[in-house]
Each structure stands twice: as C-alpha cells, then as structure tokens.
Amino acid sequence: MSTVFIAFQTNETSRGIVEAITDDNPTAVVNEQPAMVKVDVPDSMTIYRSTIEEKLGRRFDLQEMQVHLITLSGHVDESDDEFTLSWKQ
C-alpha cells in the first residue's frame, strides 16, 4: 500500500481545504506544524470543489489550491470539480 500526501501553507483558506479533505477521505491523517499542514492518505485522495465551497462559504476554483500548496506526492488527475492524487499501478 502506498500513501499519497498534500501539504499546504497554514492559513485560513488551507484550514477549510484540509477540513474538506478529511471529511471526504476518512482515512486521512493530518500533521499540523507551525507553518505547514500535511495530509497523508493511503492509496488515493480526492478533493472535491463542492466540499471546499461548503467549508469556506464561497465559490472556489480548484486551481486556487496552487496558491496555498507547498508540495504533493502522487499521480495528479484533475477536473473543474475534483482533484485526485493516487499511485496508479
């Protein structure tokens, strides 16, 4: 089993994104540090625009994640509504 991860700068928008990730990916493990928050998920992680919008209370373009992103690990598959990290076999 492989783990994918994504790490964000610690800020208000990232907090909403991370909350959305943990709601939609029950096996997610969050590691908070002073300037960064990293989320690890076994196998695959999907981030849904609609869940982020619920958490932030506003419209959200998934490309806006790039502003808050530090690094990620996994194969990226994205659309306007979903951002998925996985290790394709």
PDB file of N, CA and C in Angstrom:
ATOM      1  N   MET A   1       0.840  -1.176   0.000  1.00  0.00           N
ATOM      2  CA  MET A   1       0.000   0.000   0.000  1.00  0.00           C
ATOM      3  C   MET A   1       0.886   1.240   0.000  1.00  0.00           C
ATOM      4  N   SER A   2       0.594   2.184  -0.866  1.00  0.00           N
ATOM      5  CA  SER A   2       1.324   3.439  -0.963  1.00  0.00           C
ATOM      6  C   SER A   2       0.489   4.570  -0.375  1.00  0.00           C
ATOM      7  N   THR A   3       1.171   5.587   0.061  1.00  0.00           N
ATOM      8  CA  THR A   3       0.496   6.746   0.638  1.00  0.00           C
ATOM      9  C   THR A   3       0.719   7.958  -0.256  1.00  0.00           C
ATOM     10  N   VAL A   4      -0.351   8.720  -0.484  1.00  0.00           N
ATOM     11  CA  VAL A   4      -0.244   9.992  -1.179  1.00  0.00           C
ATOM     12  C   VAL A   4      -0.321  11.089  -0.123  1.00  0.00           C
ATOM     13  N   PHE A   5       0.224  12.259  -0.442  1.00  0.00           N
ATOM     14  CA  PHE A   5       0.097  13.367   0.507  1.00  0.00           C
ATOM     15  C   PHE A   5       0.040  14.690  -0.220  1.00  0.00           C
ATOM     16  N   ILE A   6      -0.473  15.671   0.505  1.00  0.00           N
ATOM     17  CA  ILE A   6      -0.500  17.041   0.025  1.00  0.00           C
ATOM     18  C   ILE A   6      -0.206  17.929   1.228  1.00  0.00           C
ATOM     19  N   ALA A   7       0.559  18.990   1.015  1.00  0.00           N
ATOM     20  CA  ALA A   7       0.922  19.896   2.099  1.00  0.00           C
ATOM     21  C   ALA A   7       0.617  21.331   1.684  1.00  0.00           C
ATOM     22  N   PHE A   8       0.057  22.077   2.629  1.00  0.00           N
ATOM     23  CA  PHE A   8      -0.335  23.463   2.398  1.00  0.00           C
ATOM     24  C   PHE A   8       0.320  24.387   3.409  1.00  0.00           C
ATOM     25  N   GLN A   9       0.452  25.655   3.038  1.00  0.00           N
ATOM     26  CA  GLN A   9       0.819  26.692   3.996  1.00  0.00           C
ATOM     27  C   GLN A   9      -0.305  26.771   5.024  1.00  0.00           C
ATOM     28  N   THR A  10       0.023  27.104   6.242  1.00  0.00           N
ATOM     29  CA  THR A  10      -1.002  27.255   7.266  1.00  0.00           C
ATOM     30  C   THR A  10      -1.638  28.641   7.130  1.00  0.00           C
ATOM     31  N   ASN A  11      -2.911  28.662   6.728  1.00  0.00           N
ATOM     32  CA  ASN A  11      -3.678  29.903   6.642  1.00  0.00           C
ATOM     33  C   ASN A  11      -5.166  29.554   6.675  1.00  0.00           C
ATOM     34  N   GLU A  12      -6.023  30.543   6.682  1.00  0.00           N
ATOM     35  CA  GLU A  12      -7.467  30.307   6.819  1.00  0.00           C
ATOM     36  C   GLU A  12      -8.032  29.484   5.652  1.00  0.00           C
ATOM     37  N   THR A  13      -7.630  29.787   4.442  1.00  0.00           N
ATOM     38  CA  THR A  13      -8.133  29.032   3.290  1.00  0.00           C
ATOM     39  C   THR A  13      -7.690  27.583   3.369  1.00  0.00           C
ATOM     40  N   SER A  14      -6.430  27.366   3.706  1.00  0.00           N
ATOM     41  CA  SER A  14      -5.921  25.991   3.814  1.00  0.00           C
ATOM     42  C   SER A  14      -6.656  25.202   4.885  1.00  0.00           C
ATOM     43  N   ARG A  15      -7.024  25.858   5.976  1.00  0.00           N
ATOM     44  CA  ARG A  15      -7.778  25.163   7.027  1.00  0.00           C
ATOM     45  C   ARG A  15      -9.083  24.608   6.475  1.00  0.00           C
ATOM     46  N   GLY A  16      -9.780  25.398   5.661  1.00  0.00           N
ATOM     47  CA  GLY A  16     -11.016  24.930   5.038  1.00  0.00           C
ATOM     48  C   GLY A  16     -10.769  23.796   4.060  1.00  0.00           C
ATOM     49  N   ILE A  17      -9.699  23.893   3.295  1.00  0.00           N
ATOM     50  CA  ILE A  17      -9.352  22.834   2.339  1.00  0.00           C
ATOM     51  C   ILE A  17      -9.052  21.535   3.082  1.00  0.00           C
ATOM     52  N   VAL A  18      -8.258  21.615   4.135  1.00  0.00           N
ATOM     53  CA  VAL A  18      -7.897  20.423   4.907  1.00  0.00           C
ATOM     54  C   VAL A  18      -9.129  19.813   5.568  1.00  0.00           C
ATOM     55  N   GLU A  19     -10.012  20.643   6.087  1.00  0.00           N
ATOM     56  CA  GLU A  19     -11.250  20.132   6.683  1.00  0.00           C
ATOM     57  C   GLU A  19     -12.086  19.394   5.630  1.00  0.00           C
ATOM     58  N   ALA A  20     -12.142  19.939   4.420  1.00  0.00           N
ATOM     59  CA  ALA A  20     -12.871  19.280   3.328  1.00  0.00           C
ATOM     60  C   ALA A  20     -12.217  17.943   2.972  1.00  0.00           C
ATOM     61  N   ILE A  21     -10.892  17.913   2.928  1.00  0.00           N
ATOM     62  CA  ILE A  21     -10.176  16.675   2.608  1.00  0.00           C
ATOM     63  C   ILE A  21     -10.484  15.600   3.646  1.00  0.00           C
ATOM     64  N   THR A  22     -10.439  15.959   4.920  1.00  0.00           N
ATOM     65  CA  THR A  22     -10.679  14.954   5.965  1.00  0.00           C
ATOM     66  C   THR A  22     -12.136  14.491   5.977  1.00  0.00           C
ATOM     67  N   ASP A  23     -13.065  15.363   5.629  1.00  0.00           N
ATOM     68  CA  ASP A  23     -14.473  14.944   5.534  1.00  0.00           C
ATOM     69  C   ASP A  23     -14.677  13.926   4.409  1.00  0.00           C
ATOM     70  N   ASP A  24     -14.027  14.160   3.274  1.00  0.00           N
ATOM     71  CA  ASP A  24     -14.225  13.308   2.099  1.00  0.00           C
ATOM     72  C   ASP A  24     -13.295  12.091   2.045  1.00  0.00           C
ATOM     73  N   ASN A  25     -12.265  12.076   2.870  1.00  0.00           N
ATOM     74  CA  ASN A  25     -11.289  10.979   2.888  1.00  0.00           C
ATOM     75  C   ASN A  25     -11.112  10.526   4.338  1.00  0.00           C
ATOM     76  N   PRO A  26     -11.967   9.610   4.813  1.00  0.00           N
ATOM     77  CA  PRO A  26     -11.976   9.235   6.229  1.00  0.00           C
ATOM     78  C   PRO A  26     -10.666   8.639   6.750  1.00  0.00           C
ATOM     79  N   THR A  27      -9.803   8.145   5.884  1.00  0.00           N
ATOM     80  CA  THR A  27      -8.534   7.561   6.336  1.00  0.00           C
ATOM     81  C   THR A  27      -7.401   8.587   6.370  1.00  0.00           C
ATOM     82  N   ALA A  28      -7.738   9.855   6.118  1.00  0.00           N
ATOM     83  CA  ALA A  28      -6.726  10.919   6.099  1.00  0.00           C
ATOM     84  C   ALA A  28      -6.119  11.124   7.480  1.00  0.00           C
ATOM     85  N   VAL A  29      -4.800  11.368   7.479  1.00  0.00           N
ATOM     86  CA  VAL A  29      -4.074  11.685   8.710  1.00  0.00           C
ATOM     87  C   VAL A  29      -3.484  13.079   8.529  1.00  0.00           C
ATOM     88  N   VAL A  30      -3.823  13.971   9.446  1.00  0.00           N
ATOM     89  CA  VAL A  30      -3.377  15.363   9.368  1.00  0.00           C
ATOM     90  C   VAL A  30      -2.197  15.577  10.310  1.00  0.00           C
ATOM     91  N   ASN A  31      -1.141  16.196   9.788  1.00  0.00           N
ATOM     92  CA  ASN A  31       0.048  16.522  10.563  1.00  0.00           C
ATOM     93  C   ASN A  31       0.227  18.036  10.501  1.00  0.00           C
ATOM     94  N   GLU A  32      -0.142  18.717  11.602  1.00  0.00           N
ATOM     95  CA  GLU A  32      -0.038  20.177  11.640  1.00  0.00           C
ATOM     96  C   GLU A  32       1.301  20.601  12.221  1.00  0.00           C
ATOM     97  N   GLN A  33       1.932  21.541  11.542  1.00  0.00           N
ATOM     98  CA  GLN A  33       3.188  22.123  12.001  1.00  0.00           C
ATOM     99  C   GLN A  33       3.015  23.639  12.000  1.00  0.00           C
ATOM    100  N   PRO A  34       3.938  24.394  12.555  1.00  0.00           N
ATOM    101  CA  PRO A  34       3.736  25.842  12.667  1.00  0.00           C
ATOM    102  C   PRO A  34       3.414  26.559  11.352  1.00  0.00           C
ATOM    103  N   ALA A  35       4.070  26.228  10.275  1.00  0.00           N
ATOM    104  CA  ALA A  35       3.852  26.949   9.016  1.00  0.00           C
ATOM    105  C   ALA A  35       3.276  26.074   7.914  1.00  0.00           C
ATOM    106  N   MET A  36       2.945  24.819   8.244  1.00  0.00           N
ATOM    107  CA  MET A  36       2.521  23.870   7.217  1.00  0.00           C
ATOM    108  C   MET A  36       1.551  22.861   7.808  1.00  0.00           C
ATOM    109  N   VAL A  37       0.636  22.396   6.969  1.00  0.00           N
ATOM    110  CA  VAL A  37      -0.222  21.282   7.352  1.00  0.00           C
ATOM    111  C   VAL A  37      -0.145  20.248   6.226  1.00  0.00           C
ATOM    112  N   LYS A  38       0.154  19.012   6.594  1.00  0.00           N
ATOM    113  CA  LYS A  38       0.325  17.923   5.624  1.00  0.00           C
ATOM    114  C   LYS A  38      -0.765  16.891   5.867  1.00  0.00           C
ATOM    115  N   VAL A  39      -1.358  16.402   4.778  1.00  0.00           N
ATOM    116  CA  VAL A  39      -2.396  15.393   4.860  1.00  0.00           C
ATOM    117  C   VAL A  39      -1.930  14.152   4.104  1.00  0.00           C
ATOM    118  N   ASP A  40      -1.856  13.017   4.808  1.00  0.00           N
ATOM    119  CA  ASP A  40      -1.489  11.728   4.217  1.00  0.00           C
ATOM    120  C   ASP A  40      -2.740  10.866   4.105  1.00  0.00           C
ATOM    121  N   VAL A  41      -2.865  10.160   2.982  1.00  0.00           N
ATOM    122  CA  VAL A  41      -3.983   9.240   2.786  1.00  0.00           C
ATOM    123  C   VAL A  41      -3.448   7.981   2.104  1.00  0.00           C
ATOM    124  N   PRO A  42      -3.786   6.806   2.628  1.00  0.00           N
ATOM    125  CA  PRO A  42      -3.369   5.575   1.956  1.00  0.00           C
ATOM    126  C   PRO A  42      -4.017   5.462   0.571  1.00  0.00           C
ATOM    127  N   ASP A  43      -3.251   5.064  -0.401  1.00  0.00           N
ATOM    128  CA  ASP A  43      -3.705   4.758  -1.765  1.00  0.00           C
ATOM    129  C   ASP A  43      -4.131   5.950  -2.607  1.00  0.00           C
ATOM    130  N   SER A  44      -5.197   6.646  -2.212  1.00  0.00           N
ATOM    131  CA  SER A  44      -5.788   7.664  -3.076  1.00  0.00           C
ATOM    132  C   SER A  44      -6.508   8.727  -2.250  1.00  0.00           C
ATOM    133  N   MET A  45      -6.452   9.966  -2.718  1.00  0.00           N
ATOM    134  CA  MET A  45      -7.131  11.082  -2.069  1.00  0.00           C
ATOM    135  C   MET A  45      -7.880  11.865  -3.138  1.00  0.00           C
ATOM    136  N   THR A  46      -9.152  12.169  -2.889  1.00  0.00           N
ATOM    137  CA  THR A  46      -9.904  13.017  -3.803  1.00  0.00           C
ATOM    138  C   THR A  46     -10.381  14.250  -3.050  1.00  0.00           C
ATOM    139  N   ILE A  47     -10.139  15.398  -3.649  1.00  0.00           N
ATOM    140  CA  ILE A  47     -10.543  16.681  -3.086  1.00  0.00           C
ATOM    141  C   ILE A  47     -11.668  17.209  -3.983  1.00  0.00           C
ATOM    142  N   TYR A  48     -12.821  17.489  -3.369  1.00  0.00           N
ATOM    143  CA  TYR A  48     -13.991  17.939  -4.120  1.00  0.00           C
ATOM    144  C   TYR A  48     -14.200  19.438  -3.952  1.00  0.00           C
ATOM    145  N   ARG A  49     -14.369  20.118  -5.064  1.00  0.00           N
ATOM    146  CA  ARG A  49     -14.620  21.562  -5.060  1.00  0.00           C
ATOM    147  C   ARG A  49     -15.848  21.885  -4.206  1.00  0.00           C
ATOM    148  N   SER A  50     -16.898  21.110  -4.345  1.00  0.00           N
ATOM    149  CA  SER A  50     -18.147  21.388  -3.633  1.00  0.00           C
ATOM    150  C   SER A  50     -17.967  21.337  -2.110  1.00  0.00           C
ATOM    151  N   THR A  51     -17.163  20.411  -1.619  1.00  0.00           N
ATOM    152  CA  THR A  51     -16.932  20.322  -0.177  1.00  0.00           C
ATOM    153  C   THR A  51     -16.109  21.513   0.309  1.00  0.00           C
ATOM    154  N   ILE A  52     -15.109  21.912  -0.463  1.00  0.00           N
ATOM    155  CA  ILE A  52     -14.320  23.095  -0.095  1.00  0.00           C
ATOM    156  C   ILE A  52     -15.223  24.327  -0.050  1.00  0.00           C
ATOM    157  N   GLU A  53     -16.100  24.466  -1.045  1.00  0.00           N
ATOM    158  CA  GLU A  53     -17.009  25.605  -1.064  1.00  0.00           C
ATOM    159  C   GLU A  53     -17.896  25.627   0.173  1.00  0.00           C
ATOM    160  N   GLU A  54     -18.360  24.457   0.615  1.00  0.00           N
ATOM    161  CA  GLU A  54     -19.166  24.374   1.846  1.00  0.00           C
ATOM    162  C   GLU A  54     -18.363  24.871   3.041  1.00  0.00           C
ATOM    163  N   LYS A  55     -17.117  24.440   3.150  1.00  0.00           N
ATOM    164  CA  LYS A  55     -16.279  24.799   4.293  1.00  0.00           C
ATOM    165  C   LYS A  55     -15.894  26.277   4.293  1.00  0.00           C
ATOM    166  N   LEU A  56     -15.618  26.822   3.110  1.00  0.00           N
ATOM    167  CA  LEU A  56     -15.188  28.216   3.015  1.00  0.00           C
ATOM    168  C   LEU A  56     -16.363  29.190   2.935  1.00  0.00           C
ATOM    169  N   GLY A  57     -17.529  28.686   2.551  1.00  0.00           N
ATOM    170  CA  GLY A  57     -18.696  29.550   2.430  1.00  0.00           C
ATOM    171  C   GLY A  57     -18.640  30.481   1.232  1.00  0.00           C
ATOM    172  N   ARG A  58     -17.938  30.053   0.198  1.00  0.00           N
ATOM    173  CA  ARG A  58     -17.819  30.863  -1.024  1.00  0.00           C
ATOM    174  C   ARG A  58     -17.469  29.959  -2.199  1.00  0.00           C
ATOM    175  N   ARG A  59     -17.573  30.524  -3.400  1.00  0.00           N
ATOM    176  CA  ARG A  59     -17.162  29.776  -4.592  1.00  0.00           C
ATOM    177  C   ARG A  59     -15.662  29.559  -4.531  1.00  0.00           C
ATOM    178  N   PHE A  60     -15.218  28.444  -5.118  1.00  0.00           N
ATOM    179  CA  PHE A  60     -13.803  28.102  -5.066  1.00  0.00           C
ATOM    180  C   PHE A  60     -13.417  27.420  -6.366  1.00  0.00           C
ATOM    181  N   ASP A  61     -12.375  27.910  -6.998  1.00  0.00           N
ATOM    182  CA  ASP A  61     -11.799  27.281  -8.182  1.00  0.00           C
ATOM    183  C   ASP A  61     -10.658  26.393  -7.683  1.00  0.00           C
ATOM    184  N   LEU A  62     -10.669  25.111  -8.027  1.00  0.00           N
ATOM    185  CA  LEU A  62      -9.648  24.194  -7.530  1.00  0.00           C
ATOM    186  C   LEU A  62      -8.223  24.647  -7.858  1.00  0.00           C
ATOM    187  N   GLN A  63      -8.054  25.412  -8.912  1.00  0.00           N
ATOM    188  CA  GLN A  63      -6.718  25.913  -9.239  1.00  0.00           C
ATOM    189  C   GLN A  63      -6.212  26.888  -8.189  1.00  0.00           C
ATOM    190  N   GLU A  64      -7.113  27.447  -7.390  1.00  0.00           N
ATOM    191  CA  GLU A  64      -6.713  28.334  -6.302  1.00  0.00           C
ATOM    192  C   GLU A  64      -5.885  27.583  -5.250  1.00  0.00           C
ATOM    193  N   MET A  65      -6.026  26.246  -5.195  1.00  0.00           N
ATOM    194  CA  MET A  65      -5.211  25.465  -4.250  1.00  0.00           C
ATOM    195  C   MET A  65      -3.728  25.674  -4.492  1.00  0.00           C
ATOM    196  N   GLN A  66      -3.350  25.935  -5.748  1.00  0.00           N
ATOM    197  CA  GLN A  66      -1.937  26.110  -6.097  1.00  0.00           C
ATOM    198  C   GLN A  66      -1.288  27.252  -5.311  1.00  0.00           C
ATOM    199  N   VAL A  67      -2.071  28.262  -4.964  1.00  0.00           N
ATOM    200  CA  VAL A  67      -1.556  29.413  -4.221  1.00  0.00           C
ATOM    201  C   VAL A  67      -1.127  28.999  -2.815  1.00  0.00           C
ATOM    202  N   HIS A  68      -1.816  28.019  -2.231  1.00  0.00           N
ATOM    203  CA  HIS A  68      -1.592  27.600  -0.854  1.00  0.00           C
ATOM    204  C   HIS A  68      -0.735  26.336  -0.751  1.00  0.00           C
ATOM    205  N   LEU A  69      -0.493  25.688  -1.870  1.00  0.00           N
ATOM    206  CA  LEU A  69       0.201  24.407  -1.929  1.00  0.00           C
ATOM    207  C   LEU A  69       1.704  24.550  -1.713  1.00  0.00           C
ATOM    208  N   ILE A  70       2.267  23.644  -0.915  1.00  0.00           N
ATOM    209  CA  ILE A  70       3.721  23.570  -0.747  1.00  0.00           C
ATOM    210  C   ILE A  70       4.267  22.427  -1.588  1.00  0.00           C
ATOM    211  N   THR A  71       3.703  21.230  -1.425  1.00  0.00           N
ATOM    212  CA  THR A  71       4.159  20.069  -2.186  1.00  0.00           C
ATOM    213  C   THR A  71       3.076  19.001  -2.167  1.00  0.00           C
ATOM    214  N   LEU A  72       3.250  18.009  -3.023  1.00  0.00           N
ATOM    215  CA  LEU A  72       2.336  16.870  -3.054  1.00  0.00           C
ATOM    216  C   LEU A  72       3.085  15.651  -3.553  1.00  0.00           C
ATOM    217  N   SER A  73       2.491  14.488  -3.324  1.00  0.00           N
ATOM    218  CA  SER A  73       3.087  13.244  -3.783  1.00  0.00           C
ATOM    219  C   SER A  73       1.986  12.342  -4.308  1.00  0.00           C
ATOM    220  N   GLY A  74       2.139  11.926  -5.559  1.00  0.00           N
ATOM    221  CA  GLY A  74       1.160  11.049  -6.193  1.00  0.00           C
ATOM    222  C   GLY A  74       0.885  11.510  -7.613  1.00  0.00           C
ATOM    223  N   HIS A  75       0.202  10.674  -8.349  1.00  0.00           N
ATOM    224  CA  HIS A  75      -0.221  10.990  -9.707  1.00  0.00           C
ATOM    225  C   HIS A  75      -1.436  11.910  -9.614  1.00  0.00           C
ATOM    226  N   VAL A  76      -1.415  13.027 -10.324  1.00  0.00           N
ATOM    227  CA  VAL A  76      -2.495  14.009 -10.272  1.00  0.00           C
ATOM    228  C   VAL A  76      -3.475  13.785 -11.414  1.00  0.00           C
ATOM    229  N   ASP A  77      -4.761  13.764 -11.071  1.00  0.00           N
ATOM    230  CA  ASP A  77      -5.845  13.719 -12.057  1.00  0.00           C
ATOM    231  C   ASP A  77      -6.837  14.779 -11.613  1.00  0.00           C
ATOM    232  N   GLU A  78      -7.040  15.791 -12.453  1.00  0.00           N
ATOM    233  CA  GLU A  78      -7.906  16.883 -12.013  1.00  0.00           C
ATOM    234  C   GLU A  78      -8.912  17.302 -13.073  1.00  0.00           C
ATOM    235  N   SER A  79     -10.024  17.810 -12.570  1.00  0.00           N
ATOM    236  CA  SER A  79     -11.059  18.409 -13.412  1.00  0.00           C
ATOM    237  C   SER A  79     -11.499  19.693 -12.711  1.00  0.00           C
ATOM    238  N   ASP A  80     -12.525  20.327 -13.202  1.00  0.00           N
ATOM    239  CA  ASP A  80     -13.018  21.539 -12.548  1.00  0.00           C
ATOM    240  C   ASP A  80     -13.647  21.237 -11.195  1.00  0.00           C
ATOM    241  N   ASP A  81     -14.061  19.984 -10.973  1.00  0.00           N
ATOM    242  CA  ASP A  81     -14.790  19.627  -9.759  1.00  0.00           C
ATOM    243  C   ASP A  81     -14.033  18.725  -8.790  1.00  0.00           C
ATOM    244  N   GLU A  82     -12.978  18.040  -9.257  1.00  0.00           N
ATOM    245  CA  GLU A  82     -12.253  17.096  -8.406  1.00  0.00           C
ATOM    246  C   GLU A  82     -10.750  17.178  -8.662  1.00  0.00           C
ATOM    247  N   PHE A  83      -9.996  16.936  -7.602  1.00  0.00           N
ATOM    248  CA  PHE A  83      -8.538  16.860  -7.684  1.00  0.00           C
ATOM    249  C   PHE A  83      -8.164  15.556  -6.972  1.00  0.00           C
ATOM    250  N   THR A  84      -7.612  14.594  -7.714  1.00  0.00           N
ATOM    251  CA  THR A  84      -7.301  13.287  -7.154  1.00  0.00           C
ATOM    252  C   THR A  84      -5.806  13.011  -7.213  1.00  0.00           C
ATOM    253  N   LEU A  85      -5.282  12.516  -6.093  1.00  0.00           N
ATOM    254  CA  LEU A  85      -3.906  12.036  -6.018  1.00  0.00           C
ATOM    255  C   LEU A  85      -3.963  10.534  -5.798  1.00  0.00           C
ATOM    256  N   SER A  86      -3.169   9.782  -6.561  1.00  0.00           N
ATOM    257  CA  SER A  86      -3.143   8.333  -6.407  1.00  0.00           C
ATOM    258  C   SER A  86      -1.826   7.803  -6.934  1.00  0.00           C
ATOM    259  N   TRP A  87      -1.578   6.546  -6.642  1.00  0.00           N
ATOM    260  CA  TRP A  87      -0.446   5.835  -7.240  1.00  0.00           C
ATOM    261  C   TRP A  87      -1.043   4.798  -8.163  1.00  0.00           C
ATOM    262  N   LYS A  88      -1.036   5.084  -9.463  1.00  0.00           N
ATOM    263  CA  LYS A  88      -1.577   4.139 -10.446  1.00  0.00           C
ATOM    264  C   LYS A  88      -0.626   2.981 -10.618  1.00  0.00           C
ATOM    265  N   GLN A  89      -1.170   1.791 -10.679  1.00  0.00           N
ATOM    266  CA  GLN A  89      -0.340   0.596 -10.808  1.00  0.00           C
ATOM    267  C   GLN A  89      -0.418   0.022 -12.194  1.00  0.00           C
TER     268      GLN A  89
END
